[in-house]
Amino acid sequence: MNPASPRPARSIMVLYTGGTIGMQASADGLTPASGFEQRMRAELSTRTDLAPWRFREMTPLIDSANMTPAYWLSLRAAIIEAVDAGCDAVLVLHGTDTLAYSAAAMSFQLLGLDAPVLFTGSMLPAGAEHSDAWENLSGALQALTVGQPAGVQLYFHGELLPPRRTAKVRSSGRNPFIALTRNALPENTSPLPAALDYRQPQQPVDIAVLPLVPGISADFLRAVVRSGTRGLILECFGSGTGPSDNPDFIHSLKQARSLDLVVVAITQCHEGGVEFDIYEAGSRLRRAGVVSGGGMTREAALGKLQWLLGSGLAVDEVRRLVGLELA
C-alpha cells in the first residue's frame, strides 16, 4: 500500500506521557497522575465505533514543560515497539506546552515508519468543567479508526495539523495550535544517509536557540558558541537579517563554524522564511557560515537538528541536509 494512502486502524496503541489531559489537583497545582487508562476505558466503554486500543503509560509521567530530547528517544522507541508488536496506529497523549515540539521531532525521527502517529492532549484536565479532553481523545481515535496515512500529525479540536508547520500560539482556549504559512524548503534529490533510518540509534545533543533583538550584545552569542552546544538556531529578523555591522557578532558566527557548531537561521515572523540575499544584512550572515532554515518553524528546526546531529552525521552533511526538504 502507498504510505500516503489512508490506513483504517485495526489496533491502536495509546501512549500516555502525562500532560494536562490526565492531571490531578495537588496543593501546588495540577500535576501528572497515573491511572488514566481506567478513566479512559470508563469514558469510552460505550463507543463501539472505535478500533480496539491498548494502553501504555510512559515512565516517568511528566508535565510537558519538562520534555527533553532524551525523553523523545524513549517515546520514539515505544512507538516503534508498538508497531512491531502488531499495532498499526499510535496515539500519543501529551501536554500542550511542548506538544508541537515533540510532534515535529517525531516526524523526523520516525521518517519511514509505516504507520500513522497522532499527537493530542487537552487544555483542561479530563473531568474538569468545559474540558476538551474527551473530545480530543475520542476524535483522535476516530480519525485513526477511519484511516490516516503513515506519518506524524497533530489532532486538536477536530483538526489535523502538519507537525513541521504547527505552533502553539495561545495559552488558553480550545484552539491553541495553528498551522503557520511558511516557505517550502528546496527538495532533497539524493538518497538519505543510512544513519537516518528510523531504526538506527540516536543520541540526544545540546542545541541552543537565540532570538535576536535590537541591540543584542555579541557577548550572548559568544557565550553560546563557547558553551559546548552542537547546534544553534538563530531566530533572525524578517527574511533572515541580523546585526551584520557588528564585527564581534560576525566574528563569533565565523568562530562557531570553525568549531563545527551548526548555526541555522529561521525567521521570527509567523509567515514566510529566510532568504538571505534579499538584504546585505542577510548575505553577511550567510558568508559568516550561517545556514538558511528557509521556512522552518522553531519547533521543526529544533527537531530536525536534533535528528541530524543525533544520528552521528558529519557536520558538513548536517549543514547540507538541514536546509532541504527530506520527507
Protein backbone atom coordinates (compact mmCIF):
# COMPACT_ATOMS: atom_id res chain seq x y z
CA MET A 1 0.00 0.00 0.00
CA ASN A 2 1.15 3.52 -0.77
CA PRO A 3 2.36 5.11 2.52
CA ALA A 4 0.41 8.24 1.57
CA SER A 5 -2.86 6.31 1.45
CA PRO A 6 -5.20 6.39 4.48
CA ARG A 7 -4.95 3.27 6.62
CA PRO A 8 -8.01 2.32 8.71
CA ALA A 9 -6.60 1.18 12.05
CA ARG A 10 -7.32 -2.28 13.43
CA SER A 11 -5.24 -1.98 16.60
CA ILE A 12 -4.21 1.32 18.19
CA MET A 13 -1.55 1.85 20.85
CA VAL A 14 -2.24 4.76 23.19
CA LEU A 15 0.96 6.12 24.76
CA TYR A 16 0.32 8.34 27.78
CA THR A 17 3.20 10.70 28.61
CA GLY A 18 1.36 12.83 31.17
CA GLY A 19 0.21 16.37 30.44
CA THR A 20 -2.91 18.30 31.38
CA ILE A 21 -5.27 15.68 29.94
CA GLY A 22 -4.71 13.29 32.86
CA MET A 23 -3.54 15.67 35.58
CA GLN A 24 -4.97 15.79 39.09
CA ALA A 25 -5.11 18.69 41.52
CA SER A 26 -2.45 18.95 44.24
CA ALA A 27 -1.53 21.52 46.87
CA ASP A 28 0.84 23.13 44.35
CA GLY A 29 -1.47 22.98 41.33
CA LEU A 30 -2.14 20.42 38.60
CA THR A 31 0.37 17.56 38.46
CA PRO A 32 0.81 14.44 36.28
CA ALA A 33 -1.13 11.45 37.59
CA SER A 34 -1.20 7.72 36.96
CA GLY A 35 -4.39 5.70 36.46
CA PHE A 36 -5.62 7.40 33.30
CA GLU A 37 -6.22 4.10 31.50
CA GLN A 38 -9.09 3.20 33.85
CA ARG A 39 -10.69 6.61 33.39
CA MET A 40 -10.32 6.36 29.63
CA ARG A 41 -11.88 2.88 29.47
CA ALA A 42 -14.82 4.01 31.58
CA GLU A 43 -15.40 7.07 29.40
CA LEU A 44 -15.21 5.14 26.12
CA SER A 45 -16.96 1.95 27.28
CA THR A 46 -19.98 2.54 25.04
CA ARG A 47 -18.01 3.55 21.94
CA THR A 48 -18.31 0.61 19.56
CA ASP A 49 -17.25 2.69 16.56
CA LEU A 50 -13.59 2.90 17.61
CA ALA A 51 -10.86 0.43 16.68
CA PRO A 52 -9.56 -1.73 19.56
CA TRP A 53 -6.87 0.03 21.54
CA ARG A 54 -4.15 -0.82 24.03
CA PHE A 55 -2.66 1.50 26.61
CA ARG A 56 0.88 2.10 27.82
CA GLU A 57 1.88 4.56 30.48
CA MET A 58 5.30 6.07 29.84
CA THR A 59 7.79 6.35 32.70
CA PRO A 60 8.07 8.89 34.14
CA LEU A 61 4.83 10.76 33.56
CA ILE A 62 5.73 14.40 33.05
CA ASP A 63 4.36 17.87 32.70
CA SER A 64 5.35 18.58 29.10
CA ALA A 65 7.28 21.63 30.29
CA ASN A 66 9.83 19.03 31.42
CA MET A 67 10.12 17.38 27.99
CA THR A 68 13.69 16.63 26.85
CA PRO A 69 15.41 15.15 23.77
CA ALA A 70 16.25 12.09 25.90
CA TYR A 71 12.52 11.57 26.56
CA TRP A 72 11.91 11.88 22.82
CA LEU A 73 14.17 8.90 22.28
CA SER A 74 12.18 6.86 24.83
CA LEU A 75 8.95 7.87 23.10
CA ARG A 76 10.41 7.00 19.71
CA ALA A 77 11.37 3.55 20.96
CA ALA A 78 7.89 3.00 22.45
CA ILE A 79 6.22 3.91 19.15
CA ILE A 80 8.45 1.54 17.18
CA GLU A 81 7.87 -1.24 19.73
CA ALA A 82 4.11 -0.77 19.44
CA VAL A 83 4.18 -1.10 15.67
CA ASP A 84 6.49 -4.12 15.86
CA ALA A 85 4.04 -5.72 18.32
CA GLY A 86 1.19 -5.51 15.81
CA CYS A 87 -0.38 -2.10 16.37
CA ASP A 88 -1.00 -0.36 13.06
CA ALA A 89 -1.52 3.11 14.54
CA VAL A 90 -0.29 5.06 17.58
CA LEU A 91 -1.91 7.86 19.58
CA VAL A 92 0.36 9.90 21.87
CA LEU A 93 -1.27 11.77 24.76
CA HIS A 94 0.94 14.75 25.51
CA GLY A 95 0.88 18.09 27.32
CA THR A 96 0.19 21.02 25.04
CA ASP A 97 3.11 23.26 26.05
CA THR A 98 5.67 21.24 24.06
CA LEU A 99 3.34 19.06 22.01
CA ALA A 100 4.27 20.83 18.76
CA TYR A 101 7.98 20.35 19.52
CA SER A 102 7.55 16.63 20.17
CA ALA A 103 5.38 16.05 17.10
CA ALA A 104 7.90 17.85 14.89
CA ALA A 105 10.79 15.86 16.38
CA MET A 106 8.97 12.55 15.89
CA SER A 107 8.08 13.46 12.30
CA PHE A 108 11.81 13.36 11.58
CA GLN A 109 12.88 10.54 13.86
CA LEU A 110 10.12 8.23 12.60
CA LEU A 111 10.60 9.05 8.93
CA GLY A 112 9.89 5.80 7.07
CA LEU A 113 7.77 4.18 9.79
CA ASP A 114 4.86 2.51 8.02
CA ALA A 115 2.11 3.58 10.43
CA PRO A 116 0.17 6.75 11.31
CA VAL A 117 1.02 8.52 14.59
CA LEU A 118 -1.24 11.21 16.07
CA PHE A 119 -0.42 13.56 18.96
CA THR A 120 -3.18 15.08 21.05
CA GLY A 121 -3.83 16.48 24.51
CA SER A 122 -6.13 18.98 26.16
CA MET A 123 -6.18 22.46 27.59
CA LEU A 124 -8.21 21.37 30.63
CA PRO A 125 -7.95 18.07 32.53
CA ALA A 126 -10.39 15.26 31.81
CA GLY A 127 -13.36 15.68 34.17
CA ALA A 128 -12.96 19.44 34.55
CA GLU A 129 -15.87 21.65 33.58
CA HIS A 130 -15.81 22.50 29.86
CA SER A 131 -12.79 20.21 29.36
CA ASP A 132 -11.76 19.40 25.81
CA ALA A 133 -10.01 16.17 26.90
CA TRP A 134 -12.52 13.51 25.87
CA GLU A 135 -13.42 15.40 22.71
CA ASN A 136 -9.80 15.46 21.55
CA LEU A 137 -9.02 11.92 22.67
CA SER A 138 -12.08 10.26 21.10
CA GLY A 139 -11.73 12.41 18.00
CA ALA A 140 -8.14 11.30 17.52
CA LEU A 141 -9.10 7.64 17.98
CA GLN A 142 -11.92 8.11 15.48
CA ALA A 143 -9.54 9.71 12.96
CA LEU A 144 -7.19 6.72 13.23
CA THR A 145 -10.10 4.27 13.02
CA VAL A 146 -11.33 5.85 9.80
CA GLY A 147 -7.79 5.89 8.45
CA GLN A 148 -4.75 8.14 8.23
CA PRO A 149 -1.63 7.99 6.05
CA ALA A 150 1.65 6.87 7.56
CA GLY A 151 3.49 9.67 9.32
CA VAL A 152 3.02 12.07 12.23
CA GLN A 153 0.19 14.59 12.64
CA LEU A 154 -1.34 16.67 15.44
CA TYR A 155 -5.02 16.31 16.23
CA PHE A 156 -6.79 19.06 18.14
CA HIS A 157 -10.41 20.20 18.25
CA GLY A 158 -11.40 18.23 15.16
CA GLU A 159 -8.47 19.39 13.07
CA LEU A 160 -5.43 17.51 11.76
CA LEU A 161 -2.32 19.68 11.68
CA PRO A 162 1.10 19.20 9.99
CA PRO A 163 3.81 18.85 12.66
CA ARG A 164 6.53 20.78 10.83
CA ARG A 165 4.46 23.95 10.46
CA THR A 166 2.39 23.94 13.64
CA ALA A 167 2.99 26.11 16.71
CA LYS A 168 1.17 26.76 19.96
CA VAL A 169 0.07 30.39 19.79
CA ARG A 170 -2.48 30.60 22.63
CA SER A 171 -2.10 29.73 26.31
CA SER A 172 -5.85 29.31 26.83
CA GLY A 173 -8.97 28.44 24.89
CA ARG A 174 -9.89 25.44 22.77
CA ASN A 175 -7.71 26.21 19.75
CA PRO A 176 -4.14 26.70 20.97
CA PHE A 177 -2.45 25.46 17.79
CA ILE A 178 -2.28 26.85 14.28
CA ALA A 179 -0.51 25.74 11.11
CA LEU A 180 1.74 28.60 10.01
CA THR A 181 2.18 29.62 6.38
CA ARG A 182 5.88 29.09 5.72
CA ASN A 183 8.09 28.97 2.64
CA ALA A 184 8.89 25.49 1.34
CA LEU A 185 12.45 24.20 1.54
CA PRO A 186 14.25 23.01 -1.60
CA GLU A 187 13.69 19.32 -2.26
CA ASN A 188 16.43 16.84 -1.46
CA THR A 189 17.30 14.92 -4.64
CA SER A 190 19.71 12.31 -3.25
CA PRO A 191 19.10 9.22 -1.07
CA LEU A 192 19.12 9.84 2.66
CA PRO A 193 22.10 8.52 4.63
CA ALA A 194 21.51 5.10 6.20
CA ALA A 195 22.15 6.67 9.63
CA LEU A 196 18.79 8.49 9.34
CA ASP A 197 16.74 5.30 9.13
CA TYR A 198 14.21 5.27 11.98
CA ARG A 199 15.67 2.04 13.39
CA GLN A 200 19.18 3.43 13.67
CA PRO A 201 20.40 4.57 17.11
CA GLN A 202 20.12 8.21 18.11
CA GLN A 203 21.82 10.27 20.79
CA PRO A 204 20.44 13.43 22.43
CA VAL A 205 22.54 16.50 21.70
CA ASP A 206 22.65 20.03 23.09
CA ILE A 207 21.06 22.63 20.83
CA ALA A 208 20.61 26.30 21.73
CA VAL A 209 18.08 28.87 20.49
CA LEU A 210 18.99 32.56 20.36
CA PRO A 211 16.31 35.13 19.42
CA LEU A 212 17.76 38.34 18.00
CA VAL A 213 16.56 41.67 19.43
CA PRO A 214 17.65 45.22 18.64
CA GLY A 215 20.95 45.96 20.30
CA ILE A 216 21.74 42.33 21.20
CA SER A 217 25.29 42.03 22.51
CA ALA A 218 27.78 39.80 20.75
CA ASP A 219 28.63 38.55 24.25
CA PHE A 220 25.42 36.50 24.28
CA LEU A 221 26.32 34.81 21.00
CA ARG A 222 29.91 34.31 22.14
CA ALA A 223 28.72 32.60 25.33
CA VAL A 224 26.56 30.19 23.33
CA VAL A 225 29.37 29.40 20.91
CA ARG A 226 31.70 28.60 23.81
CA SER A 227 29.09 26.60 25.77
CA GLY A 228 29.75 23.29 24.02
CA THR A 229 26.42 23.21 22.23
CA ARG A 230 26.49 21.42 18.88
CA GLY A 231 23.74 23.37 17.17
CA LEU A 232 22.34 26.88 17.34
CA ILE A 233 19.02 28.10 15.98
CA LEU A 234 19.35 31.82 15.30
CA GLU A 235 15.93 33.48 15.27
CA CYS A 236 16.52 36.32 12.83
CA PHE A 237 14.55 39.36 11.81
CA GLY A 238 12.38 39.31 8.69
CA SER A 239 13.89 37.40 5.78
CA GLY A 240 16.99 36.42 7.74
CA THR A 241 18.77 39.55 8.88
CA GLY A 242 20.77 40.37 11.99
CA PRO A 243 23.35 42.84 13.37
CA SER A 244 25.66 42.46 10.39
CA ASP A 245 27.52 45.73 11.08
CA ASN A 246 28.68 44.39 14.45
CA PRO A 247 32.14 42.89 13.77
CA ASP A 248 32.18 40.99 17.08
CA PHE A 249 28.86 39.35 16.23
CA ILE A 250 30.04 38.28 12.77
CA HIS A 251 33.35 37.07 14.19
CA SER A 252 31.50 34.88 16.70
CA LEU A 253 29.48 33.31 13.88
CA LYS A 254 32.67 32.53 11.99
CA GLN A 255 34.14 31.06 15.16
CA ALA A 256 31.07 28.83 15.51
CA ARG A 257 31.71 27.39 12.07
CA SER A 258 35.39 26.77 12.87
CA LEU A 259 34.26 24.86 15.98
CA ASP A 260 31.88 22.67 13.91
CA LEU A 261 28.84 24.26 15.54
CA VAL A 262 25.92 24.22 13.08
CA VAL A 263 24.12 27.58 13.06
CA VAL A 264 20.71 27.63 11.36
CA ALA A 265 18.76 30.82 10.72
CA ILE A 266 14.97 30.92 10.92
CA THR A 267 12.61 33.88 10.84
CA GLN A 268 10.81 35.36 13.82
CA CYS A 269 7.86 36.12 11.55
CA HIS A 270 4.75 33.94 11.53
CA GLU A 271 4.80 33.66 7.75
CA GLY A 272 7.47 33.45 5.07
CA GLY A 273 11.02 32.32 5.74
CA VAL A 274 14.71 33.08 5.44
CA GLU A 275 16.03 34.41 2.12
CA PHE A 276 19.50 35.65 2.95
CA ASP A 277 20.40 37.52 -0.23
CA ILE A 278 17.47 39.95 -0.27
CA TYR A 279 19.43 42.24 2.07
CA GLU A 280 23.13 42.74 2.67
CA ALA A 281 22.42 42.22 6.37
CA GLY A 282 21.34 38.69 5.49
CA SER A 283 24.03 37.82 2.99
CA ARG A 284 26.70 38.74 5.56
CA LEU A 285 25.25 36.12 7.90
CA ARG A 286 25.42 33.53 5.11
CA ARG A 287 29.03 34.41 4.37
CA ALA A 288 29.82 34.00 8.08
CA GLY A 289 28.68 30.37 7.87
CA VAL A 290 25.03 30.54 8.91
CA VAL A 291 22.78 28.02 7.13
CA SER A 292 19.34 29.08 5.93
CA GLY A 293 16.47 27.24 7.58
CA GLY A 294 14.08 28.55 4.94
CA GLY A 295 10.54 28.48 6.29
CA MET A 296 11.16 26.10 9.17
CA THR A 297 9.45 26.89 12.45
CA ARG A 298 11.43 26.88 15.68
CA GLU A 299 9.80 23.55 16.56
CA ALA A 300 10.76 21.96 13.25
CA ALA A 301 14.28 23.37 13.26
CA LEU A 302 14.94 22.06 16.76
CA GLY A 303 13.59 18.61 15.92
CA LYS A 304 15.47 18.43 12.64
CA LEU A 305 18.82 19.50 14.10
CA GLN A 306 18.36 17.06 16.98
CA TRP A 307 17.72 14.26 14.47
CA LEU A 308 20.59 15.08 12.11
CA LEU A 309 23.22 15.74 14.79
CA GLY A 310 21.99 12.87 16.96
CA SER A 311 22.45 10.45 14.06
CA GLY A 312 26.20 10.99 14.08
CA LEU A 313 26.41 12.53 10.60
CA ALA A 314 29.43 14.59 9.60
CA VAL A 315 28.94 18.30 10.26
CA ASP A 316 29.17 19.22 6.57
CA GLU A 317 26.43 16.69 5.81
CA VAL A 318 24.24 18.15 8.55
CA ARG A 319 24.74 21.63 7.12
CA ARG A 320 23.74 20.35 3.67
CA LEU A 321 20.65 18.45 4.79
CA VAL A 322 19.21 20.85 7.35
CA GLY A 323 18.14 23.31 4.67
CA LEU A 324 16.48 20.69 2.44
CA GLU A 325 13.03 19.08 2.48
CA LEU A 326 13.73 15.45 3.38
CA ALA A 327 10.25 13.92 3.50
